[in-house]
Protein backbone atom coordinates (compact mmCIF):
# COMPACT_ATOMS: atom_id res chain seq x y z
CA UNK A 1 -40.00 31.12 -48.83
CA UNK A 2 -36.47 29.89 -49.24
CA UNK A 3 -35.39 31.43 -45.92
CA UNK A 4 -38.42 29.98 -44.12
CA UNK A 5 -37.67 26.54 -45.54
CA UNK A 6 -34.08 26.71 -44.27
CA UNK A 7 -35.25 27.70 -40.78
CA UNK A 8 -37.71 24.84 -40.72
CA UNK A 9 -35.08 22.32 -41.78
CA UNK A 10 -32.68 23.62 -39.12
CA UNK A 11 -35.32 23.29 -36.40
CA UNK A 12 -36.19 19.80 -37.55
CA UNK A 13 -32.53 18.76 -37.56
CA UNK A 14 -31.93 20.22 -34.10
CA UNK A 15 -35.03 18.54 -32.69
CA UNK A 16 -33.94 15.21 -34.18
CA UNK A 17 -30.43 15.57 -32.68
CA UNK A 18 -31.87 16.37 -29.26
CA UNK A 19 -34.20 13.36 -29.38
CA UNK A 20 -31.32 11.07 -30.36
CA UNK A 21 -29.18 12.48 -27.55
CA UNK A 22 -31.98 11.90 -25.05
CA UNK A 23 -32.34 8.31 -26.20
CA UNK A 24 -28.65 7.49 -25.78
CA UNK A 25 -27.77 5.86 -22.45
CA UNK A 26 -25.39 7.70 -20.14
CA UNK A 27 -21.77 6.56 -20.44
CA UNK A 28 -21.04 3.65 -18.13
CA UNK A 29 -19.08 4.55 -15.01
CA UNK A 30 -15.61 3.06 -14.64
CA UNK A 31 -15.33 0.13 -12.25
CA UNK A 32 -12.61 -0.16 -9.61
CA UNK A 33 -10.76 -3.29 -8.54
CA UNK A 34 -8.78 -2.28 -5.47
CA UNK A 35 -6.13 -4.78 -4.34
CA UNK A 36 -4.02 -4.46 -1.19
CA UNK A 37 -1.18 -6.76 -0.18
CA UNK A 38 -0.14 -7.10 3.46
CA UNK A 39 3.46 -6.23 4.48
CA UNK A 40 4.75 -6.12 0.90
CA UNK A 41 7.95 -4.20 0.25
CA UNK A 42 9.35 -3.16 -3.13
CA UNK A 43 11.28 -6.37 -3.66
CA UNK A 44 9.50 -7.02 -6.94
CA UNK A 45 10.87 -7.61 -10.42
CA UNK A 46 9.15 -4.52 -11.83
CA UNK A 47 10.92 -2.43 -9.18
CA UNK A 48 14.28 -3.85 -10.15
CA UNK A 49 14.74 -6.78 -7.76
CA UNK A 50 16.78 -9.45 -9.58
CA UNK A 51 15.53 -12.38 -7.49
CA UNK A 52 11.79 -11.73 -7.07
CA UNK A 53 9.32 -13.68 -9.21
CA UNK A 54 6.30 -11.37 -9.52
CA UNK A 55 5.03 -11.82 -13.09
CA UNK A 56 1.48 -10.62 -12.47
CA UNK A 57 2.40 -7.49 -10.55
CA UNK A 58 4.90 -6.88 -13.33
CA UNK A 59 2.31 -7.18 -16.11
CA UNK A 60 0.01 -4.79 -14.28
CA UNK A 61 2.92 -2.35 -13.93
CA UNK A 62 3.66 -2.68 -17.65
CA UNK A 63 0.06 -1.72 -18.46
CA UNK A 64 -0.41 1.05 -15.92
CA UNK A 65 1.63 3.67 -14.10
CA UNK A 66 4.20 2.33 -11.64
CA UNK A 67 4.92 4.83 -8.88
CA UNK A 68 8.56 4.45 -7.89
CA UNK A 69 8.45 6.83 -4.93
CA UNK A 70 5.22 5.99 -3.12
CA UNK A 71 5.10 6.07 0.69
CA UNK A 72 2.84 4.99 3.50
CA UNK A 73 1.98 7.45 6.24
CA UNK A 74 2.65 5.05 9.14
CA UNK A 75 4.60 1.78 8.79
CA UNK A 76 2.16 -0.40 10.74
CA UNK A 77 -1.01 -2.11 9.52
CA UNK A 78 -3.83 -0.41 11.41
CA UNK A 79 -2.59 3.21 11.32
CA UNK A 80 -1.72 2.90 7.64
CA UNK A 81 -5.01 1.29 6.62
CA UNK A 82 -7.10 3.75 8.61
CA UNK A 83 -5.14 6.51 6.87
CA UNK A 84 -5.37 5.43 3.23
CA UNK A 85 -8.97 4.22 3.50
CA UNK A 86 -10.02 7.64 4.78
CA UNK A 87 -7.51 9.90 3.03
CA UNK A 88 -6.47 11.38 6.38
CA UNK A 89 -3.06 11.44 8.02
CA UNK A 90 -2.54 9.47 11.25
CA UNK A 91 -2.44 12.73 13.21
CA UNK A 92 -6.05 13.26 12.10
CA UNK A 93 -7.32 9.71 12.66
CA UNK A 94 -5.32 9.60 15.93
CA UNK A 95 -4.45 5.97 15.29
CA UNK A 96 -0.88 4.94 16.03
CA UNK A 97 -1.27 1.26 17.00
CA UNK A 98 -3.19 -1.90 16.06
CA UNK A 99 -6.05 -1.78 18.56
CA UNK A 100 -8.13 1.32 17.70
CA UNK A 101 -11.00 1.14 15.23
CA UNK A 102 -10.97 3.69 12.40
CA UNK A 103 -14.00 5.73 13.53
CA UNK A 104 -12.99 6.03 17.18
CA UNK A 105 -11.74 9.60 16.80
CA UNK A 106 -13.35 10.49 13.45
CA UNK A 107 -16.87 9.02 13.82
CA UNK A 108 -18.37 10.88 10.85
CA UNK A 109 -15.55 10.29 8.38
CA UNK A 110 -16.51 9.38 4.80
CA UNK A 111 -14.21 6.57 3.77
CA UNK A 112 -12.97 5.78 0.27
CA UNK A 113 -15.45 2.93 -0.23
CA UNK A 114 -18.25 5.10 1.15
CA UNK A 115 -17.51 7.70 -1.51
CA UNK A 116 -18.29 5.00 -4.07
CA UNK A 117 -21.39 3.78 -2.21
CA UNK A 118 -22.73 7.35 -2.27
CA UNK A 119 -21.93 7.47 -5.97
CA UNK A 120 -24.25 4.54 -6.72
CA UNK A 121 -21.60 1.80 -6.94
CA UNK A 122 -21.85 -1.76 -5.70
CA UNK A 123 -19.17 -1.85 -2.99
CA UNK A 124 -17.75 -5.03 -1.46
CA UNK A 125 -14.74 -6.30 0.43
CA UNK A 126 -12.97 -9.66 0.36
CA UNK A 127 -10.26 -10.23 2.96
CA UNK A 128 -8.18 -7.71 4.89
CA UNK A 129 -8.77 -4.05 4.09
CA UNK A 130 -9.19 -2.50 7.49
CA UNK A 131 -6.97 -4.03 10.14
CA UNK A 132 -7.11 -7.28 11.96
CA UNK A 133 -4.34 -9.49 13.22
CA UNK A 134 -2.71 -12.10 11.01
CA UNK A 135 -2.99 -14.98 11.49
CA UNK A 136 -5.21 -14.64 14.58
CA UNK A 137 -7.96 -12.66 12.86
CA UNK A 138 -8.13 -14.66 9.63
CA UNK A 139 -11.75 -15.61 8.98
CA UNK A 140 -13.10 -12.68 11.02
CA UNK A 141 -13.96 -9.04 10.33
CA UNK A 142 -11.49 -7.74 12.92
CA UNK A 143 -11.54 -3.93 13.08
CA UNK A 144 -13.60 -3.62 9.92
CA UNK A 145 -15.80 -0.60 9.16
CA UNK A 146 -19.31 -1.90 8.34
CA UNK A 147 -20.58 1.39 6.83
CA UNK A 148 -17.92 1.09 4.13
CA UNK A 149 -19.32 -2.02 2.47
CA UNK A 150 -22.53 -3.55 1.15
CA UNK A 151 -21.07 -7.05 1.24
CA UNK A 152 -18.08 -8.65 2.94
CA UNK A 153 -16.30 -12.00 2.66
CA UNK A 154 -13.80 -13.21 5.27
CA UNK A 155 -11.85 -16.07 3.68
CA UNK A 156 -10.17 -18.70 5.83
CA UNK A 157 -7.76 -21.17 4.27
CA UNK A 158 -5.66 -24.19 5.04
CA UNK A 159 -2.77 -21.99 6.16
CA UNK A 160 -4.86 -21.24 9.26
CA UNK A 161 -5.14 -24.95 10.03
CA UNK A 162 -1.43 -25.81 9.95
CA UNK A 163 -0.21 -23.39 12.60
CA UNK A 164 1.11 -26.23 14.77
CA UNK A 165 3.63 -27.01 12.01
CA UNK A 166 4.92 -23.46 11.51
CA UNK A 167 8.53 -22.71 12.41
CA UNK A 168 8.77 -19.58 14.56
CA UNK A 169 11.60 -17.76 16.31
CA UNK A 170 9.31 -17.11 19.29
CA UNK A 171 7.34 -20.16 20.52
CA UNK A 172 3.56 -19.98 19.87
CA UNK A 173 3.86 -16.63 18.08
CA UNK A 174 3.39 -16.21 14.33
CA UNK A 175 2.10 -12.82 13.29
CA UNK A 176 4.52 -10.53 15.10
CA UNK A 177 7.61 -12.66 14.73
CA UNK A 178 9.53 -14.25 11.90
CA UNK A 179 7.82 -17.55 11.11
CA UNK A 180 7.31 -19.70 8.02
CA UNK A 181 6.17 -22.98 6.52
CA UNK A 182 6.27 -24.65 3.10
CA UNK A 183 3.15 -26.75 2.55
CA UNK A 184 2.02 -29.36 0.07
CA UNK A 185 -0.95 -29.01 -2.23
CA UNK A 186 -2.42 -26.18 -4.26
CA UNK A 187 -2.57 -22.48 -3.53
CA UNK A 188 -6.31 -22.58 -4.22
CA UNK A 189 -7.08 -23.65 -0.65
CA UNK A 190 -4.80 -21.06 0.97
CA UNK A 191 -6.55 -18.02 2.41
CA UNK A 192 -5.36 -15.82 -0.46
CA UNK A 193 -6.40 -18.44 -3.00
CA UNK A 194 -9.89 -18.54 -1.51
CA UNK A 195 -9.94 -14.74 -1.44
CA UNK A 196 -9.14 -14.60 -5.15
CA UNK A 197 -11.90 -17.11 -5.92
CA UNK A 198 -14.46 -15.15 -3.90
CA UNK A 199 -13.43 -11.87 -5.54
CA UNK A 200 -13.90 -13.40 -8.97
CA UNK A 201 -17.38 -14.55 -7.96
CA UNK A 202 -18.24 -10.95 -7.08
CA UNK A 203 -16.84 -9.72 -10.40
CA UNK A 204 -19.00 -12.26 -12.25
CA UNK A 205 -22.13 -11.45 -10.26
CA UNK A 206 -21.81 -7.67 -10.63
CA UNK A 207 -20.29 -7.22 -14.07
CA UNK A 208 -23.35 -5.40 -15.40
CA UNK A 209 -23.27 -2.60 -12.82
CA UNK A 210 -20.57 -0.17 -11.69
CA UNK A 211 -18.59 -1.73 -8.86
CA UNK A 212 -15.87 -0.97 -6.35
CA UNK A 213 -14.58 -4.35 -5.24
CA UNK A 214 -11.69 -4.46 -2.78
CA UNK A 215 -9.56 -7.55 -2.30
CA UNK A 216 -7.16 -7.64 0.64
CA UNK A 217 -4.51 -10.35 0.42
CA UNK A 218 -2.81 -11.64 3.59
CA UNK A 219 0.60 -12.48 2.24
CA UNK A 220 3.45 -11.93 2.53
CA UNK A 221 2.58 -11.07 6.18
CA UNK A 222 4.02 -13.52 8.69
CA UNK A 223 3.70 -16.40 9.03
CA UNK A 224 5.16 -16.81 5.55
CA UNK A 225 3.07 -19.80 4.50
CA UNK A 226 3.15 -20.84 0.85
CA UNK A 227 3.01 -24.01 -1.19
CA UNK A 228 6.31 -25.71 -1.91
CA UNK A 229 6.34 -24.77 -5.59
CA UNK A 230 6.80 -21.14 -4.60
CA UNK A 231 9.63 -21.95 -2.19
CA UNK A 232 11.37 -23.78 -5.04
CA UNK A 233 11.54 -20.51 -6.99
CA UNK A 234 14.12 -19.22 -4.50
CA UNK A 235 17.18 -21.41 -3.88
CA UNK A 236 18.67 -20.65 -0.46
CA UNK A 237 22.09 -19.88 -1.90
CA UNK A 238 20.49 -16.94 -3.75
CA UNK A 239 18.65 -15.56 -0.68
CA UNK A 240 21.56 -13.64 0.79
CA UNK A 241 20.81 -11.11 3.55
CA UNK A 242 22.14 -7.57 3.34
CA UNK A 243 25.64 -7.18 4.71
CA UNK A 244 25.57 -4.80 7.66
CA UNK A 245 28.83 -3.25 8.86
CA UNK A 246 29.75 -3.27 12.52
CA UNK A 247 29.60 0.54 12.54
CA UNK A 248 26.19 0.85 10.85
CA UNK A 249 24.69 2.57 13.91
CA UNK A 250 27.47 5.13 14.22
CA UNK A 251 26.18 8.68 13.87
CA UNK A 252 22.54 7.54 13.66
CA UNK A 253 19.91 8.27 16.35
CA UNK A 254 19.08 5.22 18.47
CA UNK A 255 15.37 5.77 17.76
CA UNK A 256 15.96 4.92 14.09
CA UNK A 257 16.59 1.33 15.20
CA UNK A 258 13.67 1.24 17.64
CA UNK A 259 11.91 -1.53 15.70
CA UNK A 260 14.62 -4.06 16.53
CA UNK A 261 13.39 -7.17 18.32
CA UNK A 262 15.27 -9.46 20.67
CA UNK A 263 14.31 -12.42 18.47
CA UNK A 264 16.71 -11.13 15.81
CA UNK A 265 19.57 -12.33 17.98
CA UNK A 266 18.48 -15.90 17.24
CA UNK A 267 19.02 -15.49 13.52
CA UNK A 268 21.93 -17.41 12.08
CA UNK A 269 22.97 -16.88 8.47
CA UNK A 270 21.04 -20.02 7.52
CA UNK A 271 17.88 -18.77 9.24
CA UNK A 272 18.18 -15.36 7.59
CA UNK A 273 18.27 -17.06 4.20
CA UNK A 274 15.28 -19.23 5.09
CA UNK A 275 13.31 -16.17 6.21
CA UNK A 276 14.03 -14.30 2.98
CA UNK A 277 13.18 -17.38 0.92
CA UNK A 278 9.88 -17.84 2.76
CA UNK A 279 8.94 -14.15 2.47
CA UNK A 280 9.55 -14.15 -1.28
CA UNK A 281 7.70 -17.46 -1.67
CA UNK A 282 4.62 -16.07 0.07
CA UNK A 283 4.90 -12.93 -2.07
CA UNK A 284 4.90 -15.08 -5.20
CA UNK A 285 1.85 -17.00 -3.96
CA UNK A 286 0.04 -13.68 -3.51
CA UNK A 287 1.21 -12.55 -6.95
CA UNK A 288 -0.36 -15.66 -8.49
CA UNK A 289 -3.72 -14.74 -6.93
CA UNK A 290 -3.51 -11.25 -8.39
CA UNK A 291 -2.97 -12.94 -11.75
CA UNK A 292 -6.26 -14.80 -11.36
CA UNK A 293 -8.07 -11.49 -10.83
CA UNK A 294 -6.47 -9.89 -13.87
CA UNK A 295 -7.34 -12.94 -15.97
CA UNK A 296 -10.94 -12.74 -14.78
CA UNK A 297 -11.23 -9.11 -15.87
CA UNK A 298 -10.07 -10.13 -19.35
CA UNK A 299 -12.38 -13.13 -19.51
CA UNK A 300 -15.41 -11.09 -18.44
CA UNK A 301 -14.70 -8.25 -20.86
CA UNK A 302 -14.13 -5.84 -17.99
CA UNK A 303 -10.47 -5.00 -18.53
CA UNK A 304 -11.16 -1.81 -20.48
CA UNK A 305 -13.90 -0.73 -18.07
CA UNK A 306 -12.04 -1.23 -14.79
CA UNK A 307 -9.45 0.85 -12.96
CA UNK A 308 -7.07 -1.49 -11.14
CA UNK A 309 -5.14 -0.30 -8.10
CA UNK A 310 -2.48 -2.41 -6.39
CA UNK A 311 -0.43 -1.42 -3.38
CA UNK A 312 0.81 -2.51 0.04
CA UNK A 313 -0.04 -1.06 3.44
CA UNK A 314 3.65 -0.34 4.18
CA UNK A 315 7.11 -1.59 3.35
CA UNK A 316 9.20 -4.27 5.06
CA UNK A 317 12.76 -4.91 6.17
CA UNK A 318 14.51 -8.11 5.16
CA UNK A 319 17.80 -7.47 7.01
CA UNK A 320 18.55 -3.96 5.69
CA UNK A 321 20.10 -1.85 8.47
CA UNK A 322 20.06 -5.04 10.53
CA UNK A 323 16.26 -4.81 10.79
CA UNK A 324 13.36 -7.13 10.02
CA UNK A 325 9.69 -6.42 9.42
CA UNK A 326 8.25 -2.89 9.77
CA UNK A 327 7.85 0.08 12.15
CA UNK A 328 10.76 2.15 10.88
CA UNK A 329 10.92 5.18 8.61
CA UNK A 330 13.94 3.95 6.73
CA UNK A 331 13.25 3.70 3.00
CA UNK A 332 12.59 -0.05 3.04
CA UNK A 333 9.80 0.26 5.61
CA UNK A 334 8.18 3.55 4.55
CA UNK A 335 8.23 2.97 0.79
CA UNK A 336 5.50 0.90 -0.85
CA UNK A 337 4.74 -0.54 -4.27
CA UNK A 338 1.89 1.36 -5.94
CA UNK A 339 0.50 0.68 -9.41
CA UNK A 340 -2.58 2.31 -10.93
CA UNK A 341 -4.02 1.18 -14.24
CA UNK A 342 -6.74 3.33 -15.74
CA UNK A 343 -7.41 2.09 -19.30
CA UNK A 344 -8.04 5.70 -20.38
CA UNK A 345 -4.83 7.21 -18.99
CA UNK A 346 -2.26 8.62 -21.41
CA UNK A 347 0.63 7.79 -19.09
CA UNK A 348 0.09 4.04 -19.12
CA UNK A 349 3.24 1.96 -19.44
CA UNK A 350 5.47 4.65 -17.97
CA UNK A 351 7.03 4.86 -14.49
CA UNK A 352 6.52 7.90 -12.28
CA UNK A 353 9.37 9.27 -10.14
CA UNK A 354 7.30 11.82 -8.26
CA UNK A 355 6.85 11.46 -4.48
CA UNK A 356 3.31 10.33 -3.71
CA UNK A 357 1.45 9.10 -0.64
CA UNK A 358 -1.18 6.46 0.05
CA UNK A 359 -3.53 9.18 1.30
CA UNK A 360 -3.60 10.38 -2.32
CA UNK A 361 -5.69 7.37 -3.35
CA UNK A 362 -9.04 8.62 -2.03
CA UNK A 363 -9.02 11.90 -4.01
CA UNK A 364 -7.45 10.14 -7.00
CA UNK A 365 -10.08 7.46 -7.40
CA UNK A 366 -12.91 9.90 -6.75
CA UNK A 367 -11.54 12.16 -9.51
CA UNK A 368 -11.05 9.28 -11.97
CA UNK A 369 -14.66 8.18 -11.48
CA UNK A 370 -16.17 11.70 -11.43
CA UNK A 371 -17.35 11.39 -7.85
CA UNK A 372 -17.34 14.22 -5.30
CA UNK A 373 -14.68 13.60 -2.68
CA UNK A 374 -15.34 14.65 0.92
CA UNK A 375 -13.52 17.65 2.31
CA UNK A 376 -11.11 18.10 3.80
CA UNK A 377 -8.81 15.28 2.67
CA UNK A 378 -5.08 15.33 3.35
CA UNK A 379 -4.03 13.82 0.02
CA UNK A 380 -4.03 15.13 -3.55
CA UNK A 381 -5.34 13.60 -6.75
CA UNK A 382 -2.72 11.76 -8.79
CA UNK A 383 -4.76 12.15 -11.97
CA UNK A 384 -2.27 14.60 -13.52
CA UNK A 385 0.52 12.05 -13.03
CA UNK A 386 -1.55 9.31 -14.65
CA UNK A 387 -1.83 11.51 -17.72
CA UNK A 388 1.82 12.54 -17.63
CA UNK A 389 4.06 10.71 -15.11
CA UNK A 390 6.68 13.45 -15.52
CA UNK A 391 4.28 16.33 -14.89
CA UNK A 392 5.41 19.07 -12.51
CA UNK A 393 4.85 17.95 -8.93
CA UNK A 394 6.20 19.58 -5.79
CA UNK A 395 4.38 17.66 -3.06
CA UNK A 396 6.69 15.58 -0.85
CA UNK A 397 5.71 12.45 1.11
CA UNK A 398 5.45 12.27 4.89
CA UNK A 399 5.73 9.22 7.14
CA UNK A 400 5.75 8.93 10.91
CA UNK A 401 6.17 6.33 13.65
CA UNK A 402 5.97 6.45 17.44
CA UNK A 403 8.71 5.36 19.82
CA UNK A 404 8.66 4.58 23.54
CA UNK A 405 10.98 6.80 25.55
CA UNK A 406 12.46 4.39 28.08
CA UNK A 407 14.65 7.12 29.56
CA UNK A 408 11.76 9.50 30.22
CA UNK A 409 11.45 10.61 33.89
CA UNK A 410 8.41 9.51 35.89
CA UNK A 411 5.33 11.55 35.15
CA UNK A 412 6.49 12.73 31.73
CA UNK A 413 5.47 11.52 28.30
CA UNK A 414 6.87 8.06 27.64
CA UNK A 415 6.50 8.21 23.89
CA UNK A 416 7.60 10.50 21.11
CA UNK A 417 7.12 10.67 17.37
CA UNK A 418 9.57 10.20 14.57
CA UNK A 419 8.60 12.18 11.48
CA UNK A 420 10.12 11.94 8.04
CA UNK A 421 9.81 13.93 4.81
CA UNK A 422 10.80 12.38 1.49
CA UNK A 423 11.44 14.50 -1.58
CA UNK A 424 12.66 13.14 -4.88
CA UNK A 425 16.24 13.57 -3.70
CA UNK A 426 16.31 13.67 0.10
CA UNK A 427 14.94 11.99 3.20
CA UNK A 428 14.97 14.10 6.36
CA UNK A 429 13.85 12.62 9.70
CA UNK A 430 13.41 14.13 13.16
CA UNK A 431 12.92 12.13 16.34
CA UNK A 432 10.97 13.98 19.03
CA UNK A 433 11.26 17.19 16.96
CA UNK A 434 15.02 16.73 16.88
CA UNK A 435 15.53 16.23 20.60
CA UNK A 436 16.19 12.51 20.04
CA UNK A 437 18.21 12.98 16.88
CA UNK A 438 18.06 13.97 13.21
CA UNK A 439 18.84 12.15 9.95
CA UNK A 440 19.43 13.37 6.39
CA UNK A 441 20.11 11.17 3.37
CA UNK A 442 20.87 12.13 -0.21
CA UNK A 443 19.23 9.46 -2.38
CA UNK A 444 20.98 10.69 -5.48
CA UNK A 445 24.28 9.43 -4.05
CA UNK A 446 23.16 7.17 -1.19
CA UNK A 447 19.99 5.20 -2.08
CA UNK A 448 20.56 2.72 0.76
CA UNK A 449 20.65 5.51 3.37
CA UNK A 450 24.03 4.59 4.80
CA UNK A 451 25.53 8.04 5.46
CA UNK A 452 23.74 10.46 7.75
CA UNK A 453 24.41 13.99 6.48
CA UNK A 454 22.59 15.85 9.26
CA UNK A 455 25.86 17.39 10.50
CA UNK A 456 27.10 18.38 7.04
CA UNK A 457 27.44 22.18 7.21
CA UNK A 458 27.39 22.52 3.43
CA UNK A 459 23.78 21.31 3.45
CA UNK A 460 22.50 23.91 5.90
CA UNK A 461 20.00 25.46 3.47
CA UNK A 462 18.70 22.03 2.47
CA UNK A 463 18.26 21.05 6.13
CA UNK A 464 16.46 24.29 6.93
CA UNK A 465 14.07 23.90 3.99
CA UNK A 466 13.25 20.28 4.78
CA UNK A 467 12.78 21.07 8.47
CA UNK A 468 10.38 23.90 7.62
CA UNK A 469 8.34 21.72 5.28
CA UNK A 470 8.25 18.84 7.74
CA UNK A 471 7.03 21.04 10.60
CA UNK A 472 4.39 22.63 8.37
CA UNK A 473 2.92 19.18 7.74
CA UNK A 474 1.73 18.71 11.30
CA UNK A 475 1.82 22.03 13.17
């Protein structure tokens, strides 16, 4: 009898536990707030810049994992965005310019937001995620990908209405040339201010369901338009351009400087300072809008339920190597700020010095939210680095950019590719598979990439290894 009684009690207890388990709701899925800034380089306080005022990016970096060696795959808006929103390299999307829509060559691709739509998430976009021109495309959907989203918002602010007042180095051009304007009033009616407001509305309306909400800010892309209070943060006497020696092109392939524009010849020292001031002012305006989003997550009780991702589409030159803007594979143009905050991650509050790529974001976010990622993807999940930013990691980063070959004979190809591999210590770059020149920089001793070591015979094994790994990435 005693044994029978024990068996009965055990069965009753097990049945009760099963019934309780069945009654408990499934754990809530983590939300994602995905924020992309346009043309933002690493001139931020949290990345060590002494002049930049970026308090909200900094507080996100202090909470999450700041990736110090993150790189875009192509330093131009459309190729980069098509790449990181699919998780495919530009050689797979076949997009190398700003005119081709993402699905043109990969019509059946499952994008990052689609992975979340298939996973039962509410998925929406505010502002620029896929490419369109700035400022011409502001207020439109540009080259957007409709299957990616359930809902879209295309903000249009007062900065679009003041174009006649914008100073520009090239008359009637704003987006592709250095141009800027300090305006009166509040940042709330700027395009990024409106974008922040609309994103917060979506957070409020969808706080009770799992969401993937993407907010694409327009600044600091040219024209650098910001309210005067942000310009006042940067006195012109502090906005010194980088000193470039007269021999800075010696021993460096001409293709490395292929992003130079004739307009740069118009830049006096005073104009260089004004351009840097305006860029940083528009960055700080964008930073303030990010702050509104982070505040909203706290106010709505979503901060511990939401993964926040912040990054740029590529880097940006502000006079380094005598260059301005993008389209180079020097460090300033290829490197991007990347911060990921997952409230559950053990590595929060620590920087990561591993080389990572923007194509890693698709598999990373799928893994963090327990969603199946499509295959094949070209990136790798960064989840191990979120748990331990110093974890073993051997994957380098690859960037590429096309150049026109003006010396090519008639009938031959008039363009060639520059390809670069970045490890934790070295950057190695080949132009036209080496036919147009080679570069090697040792970041341990030369973080500004001023001494090309490609002819250094003592580094023969290093060169051979980097060359082999670079070629394996695309052949």
